[in-house]
PDB file of all heavy atoms in Angstrom:
ATOM      1  N   ILE A   1      12.959 -14.198  17.752  1.00  0.00           N
ATOM      2  CA  ILE A   1      12.290 -14.397  19.042  1.00  0.00           C
ATOM      3  C   ILE A   1      12.100 -13.019  19.690  1.00  0.00           C
ATOM      4  O   ILE A   1      12.691 -12.020  19.265  1.00  0.00           O
ATOM      5  CB  ILE A   1      13.043 -15.362  19.972  1.00  0.00           C
ATOM      6  CG1 ILE A   1      14.438 -14.875  20.286  1.00  0.00           C
ATOM      7  CG2 ILE A   1      13.065 -16.757  19.350  1.00  0.00           C
ATOM      8  CD1 ILE A   1      15.228 -15.758  21.250  1.00  0.00           C
ATOM      9  N   SER A   2      11.314 -12.981  20.731  1.00  0.00           N
ATOM     10  CA  SER A   2      11.033 -11.708  21.406  1.00  0.00           C
ATOM     11  C   SER A   2      12.191 -11.253  22.292  1.00  0.00           C
ATOM     12  O   SER A   2      13.040 -12.081  22.717  1.00  0.00           O
ATOM     13  CB  SER A   2       9.776 -11.805  22.281  1.00  0.00           C
ATOM     14  OG  SER A   2      10.050 -12.583  23.418  1.00  0.00           O
ATOM     15  N   VAL A   3      12.236  -9.967  22.555  1.00  0.00           N
ATOM     16  CA  VAL A   3      13.251  -9.396  23.453  1.00  0.00           C
ATOM     17  C   VAL A   3      13.110 -10.029  24.803  1.00  0.00           C
ATOM     18  O   VAL A   3      14.121 -10.359  25.469  1.00  0.00           O
ATOM     19  CB  VAL A   3      13.134  -7.871  23.488  1.00  0.00           C
ATOM     20  CG1 VAL A   3      13.948  -7.296  24.630  1.00  0.00           C
ATOM     21  CG2 VAL A   3      13.522  -7.270  22.165  1.00  0.00           C
ATOM     22  N   ASN A   4      11.855 -10.243  25.253  1.00  0.00           N
ATOM     23  CA  ASN A   4      11.662 -10.879  26.590  1.00  0.00           C
ATOM     24  C   ASN A   4      12.259 -12.245  26.621  1.00  0.00           C
ATOM     25  O   ASN A   4      12.826 -12.677  27.630  1.00  0.00           O
ATOM     26  CB  ASN A   4      10.173 -10.940  26.924  1.00  0.00           C
ATOM     27  CG  ASN A   4       9.603  -9.609  27.321  1.00  0.00           C
ATOM     28  OD1 ASN A   4      10.361  -8.687  27.731  1.00  0.00           O
ATOM     29  ND2 ASN A   4       8.289  -9.454  27.247  1.00  0.00           N
ATOM     30  N   ARG A   5      12.134 -13.020  25.549  1.00  0.00           N
ATOM     31  CA  ARG A   5      12.671 -14.363  25.468  1.00  0.00           C
ATOM     32  C   ARG A   5      14.180 -14.354  25.526  1.00  0.00           C
ATOM     33  O   ARG A   5      14.843 -15.136  26.171  1.00  0.00           O
ATOM     34  CB  ARG A   5      12.177 -15.068  24.210  1.00  0.00           C
ATOM     35  CG  ARG A   5      12.662 -16.507  23.997  1.00  0.00           C
ATOM     36  CD  ARG A   5      12.459 -17.463  25.148  1.00  0.00           C
ATOM     37  NE  ARG A   5      11.113 -17.577  25.594  1.00  0.00           N
ATOM     38  CZ  ARG A   5      10.742 -18.230  26.736  1.00  0.00           C
ATOM     39  NH1 ARG A   5      11.649 -18.852  27.466  1.00  0.00           N
ATOM     40  NH2 ARG A   5       9.500 -18.270  27.116  1.00  0.00           N
ATOM     41  N   VAL A   6      14.776 -13.372  24.806  1.00  0.00           N
ATOM     42  CA  VAL A   6      16.254 -13.222  24.815  1.00  0.00           C
ATOM     43  C   VAL A   6      16.706 -12.898  26.264  1.00  0.00           C
ATOM     44  O   VAL A   6      17.684 -13.460  26.733  1.00  0.00           O
ATOM     45  CB  VAL A   6      16.759 -12.156  23.851  1.00  0.00           C
ATOM     46  CG1 VAL A   6      18.260 -11.897  24.033  1.00  0.00           C
ATOM     47  CG2 VAL A   6      16.435 -12.524  22.418  1.00  0.00           C
ATOM     48  N   ASN A   7      16.011 -11.994  26.925  1.00  0.00           N
ATOM     49  CA  ASN A   7      16.339 -11.679  28.300  1.00  0.00           C
ATOM     50  C   ASN A   7      16.256 -12.867  29.204  1.00  0.00           C
ATOM     51  O   ASN A   7      17.080 -13.078  30.109  1.00  0.00           O
ATOM     52  CB  ASN A   7      15.488 -10.525  28.822  1.00  0.00           C
ATOM     53  CG  ASN A   7      15.941  -9.162  28.314  1.00  0.00           C
ATOM     54  OD1 ASN A   7      17.131  -8.960  28.155  1.00  0.00           O
ATOM     55  ND2 ASN A   7      15.014  -8.295  28.031  1.00  0.00           N
ATOM     56  N   HIS A   8      15.236 -13.688  28.984  1.00  0.00           N
ATOM     57  CA  HIS A   8      15.073 -14.944  29.752  1.00  0.00           C
ATOM     58  C   HIS A   8      16.306 -15.871  29.541  1.00  0.00           C
ATOM     59  O   HIS A   8      16.875 -16.380  30.490  1.00  0.00           O
ATOM     60  CB  HIS A   8      13.781 -15.648  29.320  1.00  0.00           C
ATOM     61  CG  HIS A   8      13.562 -16.978  29.986  1.00  0.00           C
ATOM     62  ND1 HIS A   8      13.134 -17.141  31.299  1.00  0.00           N
ATOM     63  CD2 HIS A   8      13.739 -18.216  29.542  1.00  0.00           C
ATOM     64  CE1 HIS A   8      13.056 -18.399  31.549  1.00  0.00           C
ATOM     65  NE2 HIS A   8      13.417 -19.066  30.515  1.00  0.00           N
ATOM     66  N   HIS A   9      16.656 -16.074  28.305  1.00  0.00           N
ATOM     67  CA  HIS A   9      17.809 -16.912  28.005  1.00  0.00           C
ATOM     68  C   HIS A   9      19.106 -16.320  28.605  1.00  0.00           C
ATOM     69  O   HIS A   9      19.924 -17.045  29.164  1.00  0.00           O
ATOM     70  CB  HIS A   9      17.985 -17.079  26.489  1.00  0.00           C
ATOM     71  CG  HIS A   9      16.958 -17.929  25.842  1.00  0.00           C
ATOM     72  ND1 HIS A   9      16.602 -19.185  26.303  1.00  0.00           N
ATOM     73  CD2 HIS A   9      16.179 -17.691  24.778  1.00  0.00           C
ATOM     74  CE1 HIS A   9      15.655 -19.703  25.526  1.00  0.00           C
ATOM     75  NE2 HIS A   9      15.387 -18.832  24.593  1.00  0.00           N
ATOM     76  N   ALA A  10      19.287 -15.011  28.447  1.00  0.00           N
ATOM     77  CA  ALA A  10      20.466 -14.340  28.978  1.00  0.00           C
ATOM     78  C   ALA A  10      20.579 -14.503  30.500  1.00  0.00           C
ATOM     79  O   ALA A  10      21.658 -14.797  31.004  1.00  0.00           O
ATOM     80  CB  ALA A  10      20.436 -12.863  28.637  1.00  0.00           C
ATOM     81  N   LYS A  11      19.451 -14.384  31.182  1.00  0.00           N
ATOM     82  CA  LYS A  11      19.460 -14.579  32.629  1.00  0.00           C
ATOM     83  C   LYS A  11      19.882 -15.990  33.009  1.00  0.00           C
ATOM     84  O   LYS A  11      20.684 -16.182  33.902  1.00  0.00           O
ATOM     85  CB  LYS A  11      18.033 -14.255  33.172  1.00  0.00           C
ATOM     86  CG  LYS A  11      17.889 -14.351  34.665  1.00  0.00           C
ATOM     87  CD  LYS A  11      16.468 -13.965  35.023  1.00  0.00           C
ATOM     88  CE  LYS A  11      16.205 -14.206  36.515  1.00  0.00           C
ATOM     89  NZ  LYS A  11      14.849 -13.851  36.913  1.00  0.00           N
ATOM     90  N   ASN A  12      19.386 -16.959  32.235  1.00  0.00           N
ATOM     91  CA  ASN A  12      19.764 -18.352  32.500  1.00  0.00           C
ATOM     92  C   ASN A  12      21.260 -18.585  32.229  1.00  0.00           C
ATOM     93  O   ASN A  12      21.931 -19.269  32.972  1.00  0.00           O
ATOM     94  CB  ASN A  12      18.961 -19.301  31.631  1.00  0.00           C
ATOM     95  CG  ASN A  12      17.556 -19.439  32.129  1.00  0.00           C
ATOM     96  OD1 ASN A  12      17.243 -19.178  33.289  1.00  0.00           O
ATOM     97  ND2 ASN A  12      16.628 -19.879  31.246  1.00  0.00           N
ATOM     98  N   ILE A  13      21.775 -17.973  31.151  1.00  0.00           N
ATOM     99  CA  ILE A  13      23.180 -18.112  30.795  1.00  0.00           C
ATOM    100  C   ILE A  13      24.055 -17.554  31.897  1.00  0.00           C
ATOM    101  O   ILE A  13      25.016 -18.146  32.346  1.00  0.00           O
ATOM    102  CB  ILE A  13      23.478 -17.398  29.448  1.00  0.00           C
ATOM    103  CG1 ILE A  13      22.770 -18.156  28.305  1.00  0.00           C
ATOM    104  CG2 ILE A  13      24.998 -17.317  29.213  1.00  0.00           C
ATOM    105  CD1 ILE A  13      22.703 -17.310  27.009  1.00  0.00           C
ATOM    106  N   TYR A  14      23.727 -16.340  32.340  1.00  0.00           N
ATOM    107  CA  TYR A  14      24.508 -15.686  33.409  1.00  0.00           C
ATOM    108  C   TYR A  14      24.510 -16.516  34.657  1.00  0.00           C
ATOM    109  O   TYR A  14      25.536 -16.694  35.278  1.00  0.00           O
ATOM    110  CB  TYR A  14      23.948 -14.300  33.731  1.00  0.00           C
ATOM    111  CG  TYR A  14      24.362 -13.173  32.776  1.00  0.00           C
ATOM    112  CD1 TYR A  14      24.272 -13.353  31.411  1.00  0.00           C
ATOM    113  CD2 TYR A  14      24.830 -11.990  33.237  1.00  0.00           C
ATOM    114  CE1 TYR A  14      24.637 -12.331  30.548  1.00  0.00           C
ATOM    115  CE2 TYR A  14      25.224 -10.961  32.418  1.00  0.00           C
ATOM    116  CZ  TYR A  14      25.133 -11.121  31.051  1.00  0.00           C
ATOM    117  OH  TYR A  14      25.515 -10.144  30.192  1.00  0.00           O
ATOM    118  N   ARG A  15      23.345 -17.083  34.986  1.00  0.00           N
ATOM    119  CA  ARG A  15      23.251 -17.918  36.219  1.00  0.00           C
ATOM    120  C   ARG A  15      24.078 -19.194  36.031  1.00  0.00           C
ATOM    121  O   ARG A  15      24.848 -19.581  36.937  1.00  0.00           O
ATOM    122  CB  ARG A  15      21.776 -18.247  36.483  1.00  0.00           C
ATOM    123  CG  ARG A  15      21.566 -19.129  37.701  1.00  0.00           C
ATOM    124  CD  ARG A  15      20.052 -19.447  37.925  1.00  0.00           C
ATOM    125  NE  ARG A  15      19.390 -19.943  36.739  1.00  0.00           N
ATOM    126  CZ  ARG A  15      19.443 -21.190  36.239  1.00  0.00           C
ATOM    127  NH1 ARG A  15      20.218 -22.095  36.845  1.00  0.00           N
ATOM    128  NH2 ARG A  15      18.763 -21.540  35.176  1.00  0.00           N
ATOM    129  N   LYS A  16      23.926 -19.879  34.920  1.00  0.00           N
ATOM    130  CA  LYS A  16      24.595 -21.130  34.715  1.00  0.00           C
ATOM    131  C   LYS A  16      26.105 -20.964  34.634  1.00  0.00           C
ATOM    132  O   LYS A  16      26.864 -21.862  35.074  1.00  0.00           O
ATOM    133  CB  LYS A  16      24.106 -21.808  33.400  1.00  0.00           C
ATOM    134  CG  LYS A  16      22.716 -22.345  33.526  1.00  0.00           C
ATOM    135  CD  LYS A  16      22.244 -22.954  32.167  1.00  0.00           C
ATOM    136  CE  LYS A  16      20.835 -23.509  32.279  1.00  0.00           C
ATOM    137  NZ  LYS A  16      20.388 -24.102  31.008  1.00  0.00           N
ATOM    138  N   LEU A  17      26.563 -19.886  34.095  1.00  0.00           N
ATOM    139  CA  LEU A  17      28.023 -19.646  33.977  1.00  0.00           C
ATOM    140  C   LEU A  17      28.572 -18.827  35.164  1.00  0.00           C
ATOM    141  O   LEU A  17      29.776 -18.570  35.230  1.00  0.00           O
ATOM    142  CB  LEU A  17      28.367 -18.938  32.657  1.00  0.00           C
ATOM    143  CG  LEU A  17      28.050 -19.732  31.424  1.00  0.00           C
ATOM    144  CD1 LEU A  17      28.459 -18.962  30.158  1.00  0.00           C
ATOM    145  CD2 LEU A  17      28.635 -21.102  31.425  1.00  0.00           C
ATOM    146  N   ASN A  18      27.669 -18.435  36.049  1.00  0.00           N
ATOM    147  CA  ASN A  18      28.078 -17.679  37.277  1.00  0.00           C
ATOM    148  C   ASN A  18      28.864 -16.400  36.898  1.00  0.00           C
ATOM    149  O   ASN A  18      29.978 -16.181  37.419  1.00  0.00           O
ATOM    150  CB  ASN A  18      28.865 -18.531  38.220  1.00  0.00           C
ATOM    151  CG  ASN A  18      29.018 -17.940  39.607  1.00  0.00           C
ATOM    152  OD1 ASN A  18      28.141 -17.155  39.990  1.00  0.00           O
ATOM    153  ND2 ASN A  18      30.080 -18.257  40.259  1.00  0.00           N
ATOM    154  N   VAL A  19      28.273 -15.613  36.021  1.00  0.00           N
ATOM    155  CA  VAL A  19      28.884 -14.348  35.646  1.00  0.00           C
ATOM    156  C   VAL A  19      27.854 -13.226  35.875  1.00  0.00           C
ATOM    157  O   VAL A  19      26.661 -13.483  36.024  1.00  0.00           O
ATOM    158  CB  VAL A  19      29.354 -14.316  34.179  1.00  0.00           C
ATOM    159  CG1 VAL A  19      30.495 -15.335  33.963  1.00  0.00           C
ATOM    160  CG2 VAL A  19      28.233 -14.589  33.207  1.00  0.00           C
ATOM    161  N   HIS A  20      28.349 -11.962  35.850  1.00  0.00           N
ATOM    162  CA  HIS A  20      27.474 -10.842  36.181  1.00  0.00           C
ATOM    163  C   HIS A  20      27.432  -9.795  35.100  1.00  0.00           C
ATOM    164  O   HIS A  20      26.681  -8.821  35.201  1.00  0.00           O
ATOM    165  CB  HIS A  20      27.883 -10.220  37.530  1.00  0.00           C
ATOM    166  CG  HIS A  20      27.867 -11.228  38.634  1.00  0.00           C
ATOM    167  ND1 HIS A  20      28.987 -11.915  39.025  1.00  0.00           N
ATOM    168  CD2 HIS A  20      26.829 -11.679  39.354  1.00  0.00           C
ATOM    169  CE1 HIS A  20      28.616 -12.726  39.987  1.00  0.00           C
ATOM    170  NE2 HIS A  20      27.351 -12.632  40.208  1.00  0.00           N
ATOM    171  N   ASN A  21      28.282  -9.885  34.077  1.00  0.00           N
ATOM    172  CA  ASN A  21      28.272  -8.896  32.998  1.00  0.00           C
ATOM    173  C   ASN A  21      28.818  -9.535  31.712  1.00  0.00           C
ATOM    174  O   ASN A  21      29.342 -10.653  31.753  1.00  0.00           O
ATOM    175  CB  ASN A  21      29.047  -7.638  33.383  1.00  0.00           C
ATOM    176  CG  ASN A  21      30.498  -7.933  33.727  1.00  0.00           C
ATOM    177  OD1 ASN A  21      31.191  -8.545  32.956  1.00  0.00           O
ATOM    178  ND2 ASN A  21      30.919  -7.459  34.896  1.00  0.00           N
ATOM    179  N   ARG A  22      28.718  -8.820  30.603  1.00  0.00           N
ATOM    180  CA  ARG A  22      29.154  -9.371  29.307  1.00  0.00           C
ATOM    181  C   ARG A  22      30.629  -9.601  29.240  1.00  0.00           C
ATOM    182  O   ARG A  22      31.066 -10.550  28.560  1.00  0.00           O
ATOM    183  CB  ARG A  22      28.707  -8.420  28.161  1.00  0.00           C
ATOM    184  CG  ARG A  22      27.263  -8.588  27.794  1.00  0.00           C
ATOM    185  CD  ARG A  22      26.948  -7.950  26.496  1.00  0.00           C
ATOM    186  NE  ARG A  22      25.543  -7.829  26.280  1.00  0.00           N
ATOM    187  CZ  ARG A  22      24.973  -7.843  25.122  1.00  0.00           C
ATOM    188  NH1 ARG A  22      25.720  -7.977  24.013  1.00  0.00           N
ATOM    189  NH2 ARG A  22      23.675  -7.771  24.968  1.00  0.00           N
ATOM    190  N   SER A  23      31.395  -8.818  29.894  1.00  0.00           N
ATOM    191  CA  SER A  23      32.840  -8.991  29.860  1.00  0.00           C
ATOM    192  C   SER A  23      33.221 -10.343  30.509  1.00  0.00           C
ATOM    193  O   SER A  23      34.010 -11.096  29.948  1.00  0.00           O
ATOM    194  CB  SER A  23      33.600  -7.873  30.626  1.00  0.00           C
ATOM    195  OG  SER A  23      33.387  -6.658  29.948  1.00  0.00           O
ATOM    196  N   GLU A  24      32.647 -10.609  31.669  1.00  0.00           N
ATOM    197  CA  GLU A  24      32.897 -11.882  32.345  1.00  0.00           C
ATOM    198  C   GLU A  24      32.364 -12.990  31.484  1.00  0.00           C
ATOM    199  O   GLU A  24      33.003 -14.062  31.364  1.00  0.00           O
ATOM    200  CB  GLU A  24      32.189 -11.928  33.684  1.00  0.00           C
ATOM    201  CG  GLU A  24      32.776 -11.109  34.774  1.00  0.00           C
ATOM    202  CD  GLU A  24      31.964 -11.254  36.084  1.00  0.00           C
ATOM    203  OE1 GLU A  24      31.516 -12.346  36.427  1.00  0.00           O
ATOM    204  OE2 GLU A  24      31.769 -10.205  36.742  1.00  0.00           O
ATOM    205  N   LEU A  25      31.205 -12.789  30.909  1.00  0.00           N
ATOM    206  CA  LEU A  25      30.573 -13.804  30.052  1.00  0.00           C
ATOM    207  C   LEU A  25      31.483 -14.195  28.903  1.00  0.00           C
ATOM    208  O   LEU A  25      31.738 -15.357  28.635  1.00  0.00           O
ATOM    209  CB  LEU A  25      29.233 -13.290  29.549  1.00  0.00           C
ATOM    210  CG  LEU A  25      28.448 -14.232  28.621  1.00  0.00           C
ATOM    211  CD1 LEU A  25      28.021 -15.492  29.394  1.00  0.00           C
ATOM    212  CD2 LEU A  25      27.216 -13.500  28.093  1.00  0.00           C
ATOM    213  N   ALA A  26      31.978 -13.201  28.194  1.00  0.00           N
ATOM    214  CA  ALA A  26      32.843 -13.434  27.050  1.00  0.00           C
ATOM    215  C   ALA A  26      34.109 -14.151  27.459  1.00  0.00           C
ATOM    216  O   ALA A  26      34.569 -15.094  26.808  1.00  0.00           O
ATOM    217  CB  ALA A  26      33.145 -12.115  26.333  1.00  0.00           C
ATOM    218  N   ARG A  27      34.722 -13.680  28.557  1.00  0.00           N
ATOM    219  CA  ARG A  27      35.969 -14.231  28.989  1.00  0.00           C
ATOM    220  C   ARG A  27      35.785 -15.737  29.389  1.00  0.00           C
ATOM    221  O   ARG A  27      36.553 -16.602  28.983  1.00  0.00           O
ATOM    222  CB  ARG A  27      36.500 -13.447  30.203  1.00  0.00           C
ATOM    223  CG  ARG A  27      37.954 -13.402  30.356  1.00  0.00           C
ATOM    224  CD  ARG A  27      38.453 -12.430  31.414  1.00  0.00           C
ATOM    225  NE  ARG A  27      37.569 -11.994  32.439  1.00  0.00           N
ATOM    226  CZ  ARG A  27      37.025 -10.772  32.495  1.00  0.00           C
ATOM    227  NH1 ARG A  27      37.253  -9.885  31.565  1.00  0.00           N
ATOM    228  NH2 ARG A  27      36.211 -10.470  33.495  1.00  0.00           N
TER     229      ARG A  27
END
């Protein structure tokens, strides 16, 4: 998929999990 699509998914993931960076996301 495109980089733009990955960024779109990542933004949704961060919002849904209420995190602000990859460390918080992984934890």
